[in-house]
């Protein structure tokens, strides 16, 4: 089951339209996502390889953490959820 995502206006405000992730991408509708770049003490960035089954750039390298903000969700909650899902790190604190 796909997550539902808020569609945004060109000014970045929620329009009230909510679509599943594949549909929002298929239609090219603007939507929110979070990006988290994790650097170590040598200023090296952690990259991850995207799964071969994703619909955008399968198998490509991507940033440390990337995720869609579910409809009605706060971006801070999304970051914590994605850190745990993608890296297995408990970011609830």
N, C-alpha and C. Protein backbone atom coordinates (compact mmCIF):
# COMPACT_ATOMS: atom_id res chain seq x y z
N UNK A 1 0.84 -1.19 0.00
CA UNK A 1 0.00 0.00 0.00
C UNK A 1 0.88 1.25 0.00
N UNK A 2 0.58 2.18 -0.86
CA UNK A 2 1.37 3.41 -0.97
C UNK A 2 0.97 4.42 0.08
N UNK A 3 1.95 5.18 0.51
CA UNK A 3 1.66 6.28 1.43
C UNK A 3 0.92 7.38 0.68
N UNK A 4 0.07 8.08 1.39
CA UNK A 4 -0.63 9.22 0.82
C UNK A 4 0.16 10.48 1.10
N UNK A 5 0.23 11.36 0.10
CA UNK A 5 1.09 12.55 0.17
C UNK A 5 0.28 13.78 -0.21
N UNK A 6 0.51 14.88 0.53
CA UNK A 6 -0.14 16.15 0.22
C UNK A 6 0.42 16.74 -1.07
N UNK A 7 -0.47 17.18 -1.96
CA UNK A 7 -0.07 17.91 -3.16
C UNK A 7 0.08 19.37 -2.76
N UNK A 8 1.12 20.02 -3.30
CA UNK A 8 1.39 21.42 -2.97
C UNK A 8 1.09 22.34 -4.14
N UNK A 9 0.79 23.59 -3.81
CA UNK A 9 0.64 24.62 -4.85
C UNK A 9 2.03 25.05 -5.30
N UNK A 10 2.10 25.89 -6.31
CA UNK A 10 3.40 26.38 -6.78
C UNK A 10 4.10 27.23 -5.72
N UNK A 11 3.34 27.74 -4.76
CA UNK A 11 3.95 28.52 -3.67
C UNK A 11 4.30 27.65 -2.47
N UNK A 12 4.08 26.33 -2.56
CA UNK A 12 4.48 25.41 -1.51
C UNK A 12 3.45 25.16 -0.43
N UNK A 13 2.22 25.58 -0.65
CA UNK A 13 1.16 25.37 0.33
C UNK A 13 0.34 24.14 -0.04
N UNK A 14 -0.20 23.45 0.97
CA UNK A 14 -1.05 22.30 0.71
C UNK A 14 -2.31 22.73 -0.04
N UNK A 15 -2.66 21.97 -1.06
CA UNK A 15 -3.85 22.29 -1.87
C UNK A 15 -5.10 21.61 -1.35
N UNK A 16 -4.96 20.62 -0.49
CA UNK A 16 -6.09 19.82 -0.04
C UNK A 16 -6.20 18.52 -0.82
N UNK A 17 -5.50 18.44 -1.95
CA UNK A 17 -5.47 17.20 -2.73
C UNK A 17 -4.44 16.26 -2.11
N UNK A 18 -4.79 15.00 -1.97
CA UNK A 18 -3.89 13.99 -1.40
C UNK A 18 -3.87 12.82 -2.37
N UNK A 19 -2.66 12.39 -2.73
CA UNK A 19 -2.51 11.30 -3.71
C UNK A 19 -1.52 10.25 -3.21
N UNK A 20 -1.64 9.03 -3.71
CA UNK A 20 -0.62 8.01 -3.42
C UNK A 20 0.71 8.40 -4.08
N UNK A 21 1.81 7.95 -3.50
CA UNK A 21 3.15 8.29 -3.99
C UNK A 21 3.33 8.01 -5.48
N UNK A 22 2.97 6.82 -5.99
CA UNK A 22 3.17 6.58 -7.43
C UNK A 22 2.39 7.56 -8.31
N UNK A 23 1.20 7.90 -7.87
CA UNK A 23 0.35 8.81 -8.65
C UNK A 23 0.92 10.23 -8.65
N UNK A 24 1.38 10.68 -7.50
CA UNK A 24 1.93 12.03 -7.40
C UNK A 24 3.17 12.17 -8.29
N UNK A 25 3.96 11.08 -8.37
CA UNK A 25 5.13 11.09 -9.26
C UNK A 25 4.71 11.01 -10.72
N UNK A 26 3.76 10.14 -11.02
CA UNK A 26 3.31 9.98 -12.42
C UNK A 26 2.78 11.29 -12.98
N UNK A 27 2.05 12.03 -12.15
CA UNK A 27 1.46 13.30 -12.58
C UNK A 27 2.42 14.48 -12.45
N UNK A 28 3.56 14.27 -11.81
CA UNK A 28 4.53 15.36 -11.64
C UNK A 28 4.04 16.46 -10.72
N UNK A 29 3.23 16.10 -9.74
CA UNK A 29 2.67 17.10 -8.82
C UNK A 29 3.73 17.48 -7.77
N UNK A 30 3.78 18.77 -7.40
CA UNK A 30 4.73 19.17 -6.35
C UNK A 30 4.31 18.60 -4.99
N UNK A 31 5.30 18.16 -4.22
CA UNK A 31 5.06 17.56 -2.91
C UNK A 31 6.31 17.73 -2.05
N UNK A 32 6.16 17.46 -0.75
CA UNK A 32 7.26 17.64 0.19
C UNK A 32 8.05 16.35 0.37
N UNK A 33 9.34 16.54 0.62
CA UNK A 33 10.24 15.44 0.97
C UNK A 33 11.29 15.99 1.92
N UNK A 34 11.94 15.09 2.65
CA UNK A 34 13.04 15.50 3.53
C UNK A 34 14.34 14.94 2.98
N UNK A 35 15.42 15.69 3.20
CA UNK A 35 16.76 15.27 2.83
C UNK A 35 17.65 15.47 4.06
N UNK A 36 18.43 14.46 4.41
CA UNK A 36 19.34 14.56 5.53
C UNK A 36 20.72 14.11 5.05
N UNK A 37 21.70 14.97 5.21
CA UNK A 37 23.07 14.67 4.83
C UNK A 37 23.86 14.41 6.10
N UNK A 38 24.46 13.22 6.21
CA UNK A 38 25.23 12.86 7.39
C UNK A 38 26.71 12.87 7.02
N UNK A 39 27.49 13.67 7.77
CA UNK A 39 28.93 13.80 7.55
C UNK A 39 29.68 13.23 8.74
N UNK A 40 30.85 12.66 8.49
CA UNK A 40 31.69 12.20 9.58
C UNK A 40 32.73 13.28 9.91
N UNK A 41 33.64 12.98 10.82
CA UNK A 41 34.63 13.96 11.28
C UNK A 41 35.63 14.34 10.18
N UNK A 42 35.70 13.55 9.10
CA UNK A 42 36.59 13.86 7.98
C UNK A 42 35.85 14.63 6.88
N UNK A 43 34.62 15.05 7.18
CA UNK A 43 33.78 15.78 6.24
C UNK A 43 33.37 14.92 5.03
N UNK A 44 33.32 13.59 5.24
CA UNK A 44 32.85 12.68 4.21
C UNK A 44 31.35 12.46 4.42
N UNK A 45 30.61 12.41 3.33
CA UNK A 45 29.16 12.24 3.43
C UNK A 45 28.80 10.77 3.25
N UNK A 46 27.82 10.33 4.05
CA UNK A 46 27.32 8.97 3.95
C UNK A 46 26.34 8.91 2.78
N UNK A 47 26.61 8.00 1.83
CA UNK A 47 25.70 7.77 0.71
C UNK A 47 25.11 6.38 0.84
N UNK A 48 23.98 6.17 0.22
CA UNK A 48 23.41 4.83 0.17
C UNK A 48 22.97 4.54 -1.26
N UNK A 49 22.98 3.27 -1.60
CA UNK A 49 22.52 2.88 -2.94
C UNK A 49 21.02 2.63 -2.88
N UNK A 50 20.30 3.23 -3.82
CA UNK A 50 18.85 3.05 -3.88
C UNK A 50 18.51 1.62 -4.28
N UNK A 51 17.42 1.14 -3.76
CA UNK A 51 16.97 -0.23 -4.05
C UNK A 51 16.70 -0.38 -5.55
N UNK A 52 16.90 -1.56 -6.07
CA UNK A 52 16.63 -1.78 -7.50
C UNK A 52 15.14 -1.75 -7.84
N UNK A 53 14.28 -1.73 -6.85
CA UNK A 53 12.84 -1.79 -7.08
C UNK A 53 12.14 -0.43 -6.99
N UNK A 54 12.87 0.65 -6.64
CA UNK A 54 12.22 1.96 -6.53
C UNK A 54 11.91 2.53 -7.91
N UNK A 55 10.94 3.45 -7.97
CA UNK A 55 10.50 3.97 -9.27
C UNK A 55 11.36 5.11 -9.81
N UNK A 56 12.18 5.72 -8.99
CA UNK A 56 13.05 6.81 -9.45
C UNK A 56 14.51 6.44 -9.20
N UNK A 57 15.30 6.38 -10.25
CA UNK A 57 16.73 6.14 -10.17
C UNK A 57 17.11 4.88 -9.39
N UNK A 58 16.52 3.72 -9.74
CA UNK A 58 16.86 2.48 -9.04
C UNK A 58 18.35 2.14 -9.19
N UNK A 59 18.95 1.72 -8.07
CA UNK A 59 20.35 1.31 -8.08
C UNK A 59 21.35 2.46 -8.04
N UNK A 60 20.89 3.69 -8.11
CA UNK A 60 21.79 4.84 -8.07
C UNK A 60 22.16 5.16 -6.62
N UNK A 61 23.29 5.86 -6.44
CA UNK A 61 23.65 6.35 -5.11
C UNK A 61 22.80 7.58 -4.80
N UNK A 62 22.48 7.72 -3.53
CA UNK A 62 21.66 8.84 -3.07
C UNK A 62 22.24 9.37 -1.76
N UNK A 63 21.64 10.43 -1.28
CA UNK A 63 22.10 11.05 -0.04
C UNK A 63 21.83 10.14 1.15
N UNK A 64 22.30 10.55 2.31
CA UNK A 64 22.22 9.73 3.52
C UNK A 64 20.80 9.26 3.81
N UNK A 65 19.85 10.18 3.84
CA UNK A 65 18.46 9.84 4.13
C UNK A 65 17.56 10.72 3.27
N UNK A 66 16.57 10.10 2.66
CA UNK A 66 15.63 10.82 1.80
C UNK A 66 14.27 10.17 1.96
N UNK A 67 13.22 10.99 2.12
CA UNK A 67 11.90 10.40 2.26
C UNK A 67 10.78 11.38 2.00
N UNK A 68 9.66 10.85 1.61
CA UNK A 68 8.46 11.66 1.38
C UNK A 68 7.74 11.93 2.70
N UNK A 69 7.19 13.12 2.81
CA UNK A 69 6.41 13.50 3.98
C UNK A 69 4.98 13.05 3.73
N UNK A 70 4.48 12.17 4.59
CA UNK A 70 3.11 11.68 4.45
C UNK A 70 2.12 12.80 4.69
N UNK A 71 0.93 12.65 4.13
CA UNK A 71 -0.12 13.65 4.30
C UNK A 71 -0.35 13.93 5.79
N UNK A 72 -0.30 15.21 6.15
CA UNK A 72 -0.54 15.63 7.52
C UNK A 72 0.63 15.43 8.47
N UNK A 73 1.75 14.89 8.00
CA UNK A 73 2.90 14.60 8.85
C UNK A 73 3.82 15.82 8.92
N UNK A 74 4.49 15.99 10.06
CA UNK A 74 5.50 17.03 10.21
C UNK A 74 6.83 16.53 9.64
N UNK A 75 7.62 17.43 9.06
CA UNK A 75 8.90 17.04 8.47
C UNK A 75 9.84 16.45 9.52
N UNK A 76 9.81 16.96 10.75
CA UNK A 76 10.68 16.43 11.80
C UNK A 76 10.33 14.97 12.11
N UNK A 77 9.05 14.62 12.07
CA UNK A 77 8.64 13.23 12.28
C UNK A 77 9.09 12.35 11.12
N UNK A 78 9.03 12.90 9.91
CA UNK A 78 9.47 12.16 8.73
C UNK A 78 10.96 11.84 8.82
N UNK A 79 11.77 12.82 9.22
CA UNK A 79 13.22 12.58 9.32
C UNK A 79 13.49 11.45 10.30
N UNK A 80 12.88 11.51 11.48
CA UNK A 80 13.10 10.45 12.47
C UNK A 80 12.67 9.08 11.93
N UNK A 81 11.53 9.02 11.27
CA UNK A 81 11.04 7.77 10.71
C UNK A 81 11.99 7.23 9.65
N UNK A 82 12.45 8.11 8.76
CA UNK A 82 13.32 7.68 7.67
C UNK A 82 14.70 7.25 8.17
N UNK A 83 15.23 7.93 9.19
CA UNK A 83 16.54 7.53 9.74
C UNK A 83 16.45 6.11 10.27
N UNK A 84 15.35 5.81 10.94
CA UNK A 84 15.18 4.45 11.47
C UNK A 84 14.96 3.44 10.34
N UNK A 85 14.10 3.77 9.38
CA UNK A 85 13.82 2.85 8.28
C UNK A 85 15.05 2.59 7.42
N UNK A 86 15.78 3.64 7.08
CA UNK A 86 16.87 3.51 6.12
C UNK A 86 18.21 3.15 6.74
N UNK A 87 18.45 3.58 7.98
CA UNK A 87 19.76 3.36 8.60
C UNK A 87 19.68 2.48 9.84
N UNK A 88 18.47 2.20 10.32
CA UNK A 88 18.33 1.37 11.53
C UNK A 88 18.75 2.08 12.79
N UNK A 89 18.73 3.41 12.78
CA UNK A 89 19.15 4.21 13.94
C UNK A 89 17.91 4.79 14.60
N UNK A 90 17.79 4.62 15.91
CA UNK A 90 16.68 5.18 16.66
C UNK A 90 16.92 6.68 16.84
N UNK A 91 16.13 7.49 16.15
CA UNK A 91 16.29 8.95 16.20
C UNK A 91 15.14 9.60 16.96
N UNK A 92 14.53 8.86 17.88
CA UNK A 92 13.37 9.37 18.59
C UNK A 92 13.71 10.40 19.64
N UNK A 93 14.98 10.55 19.99
CA UNK A 93 15.36 11.53 21.02
C UNK A 93 15.61 12.88 20.41
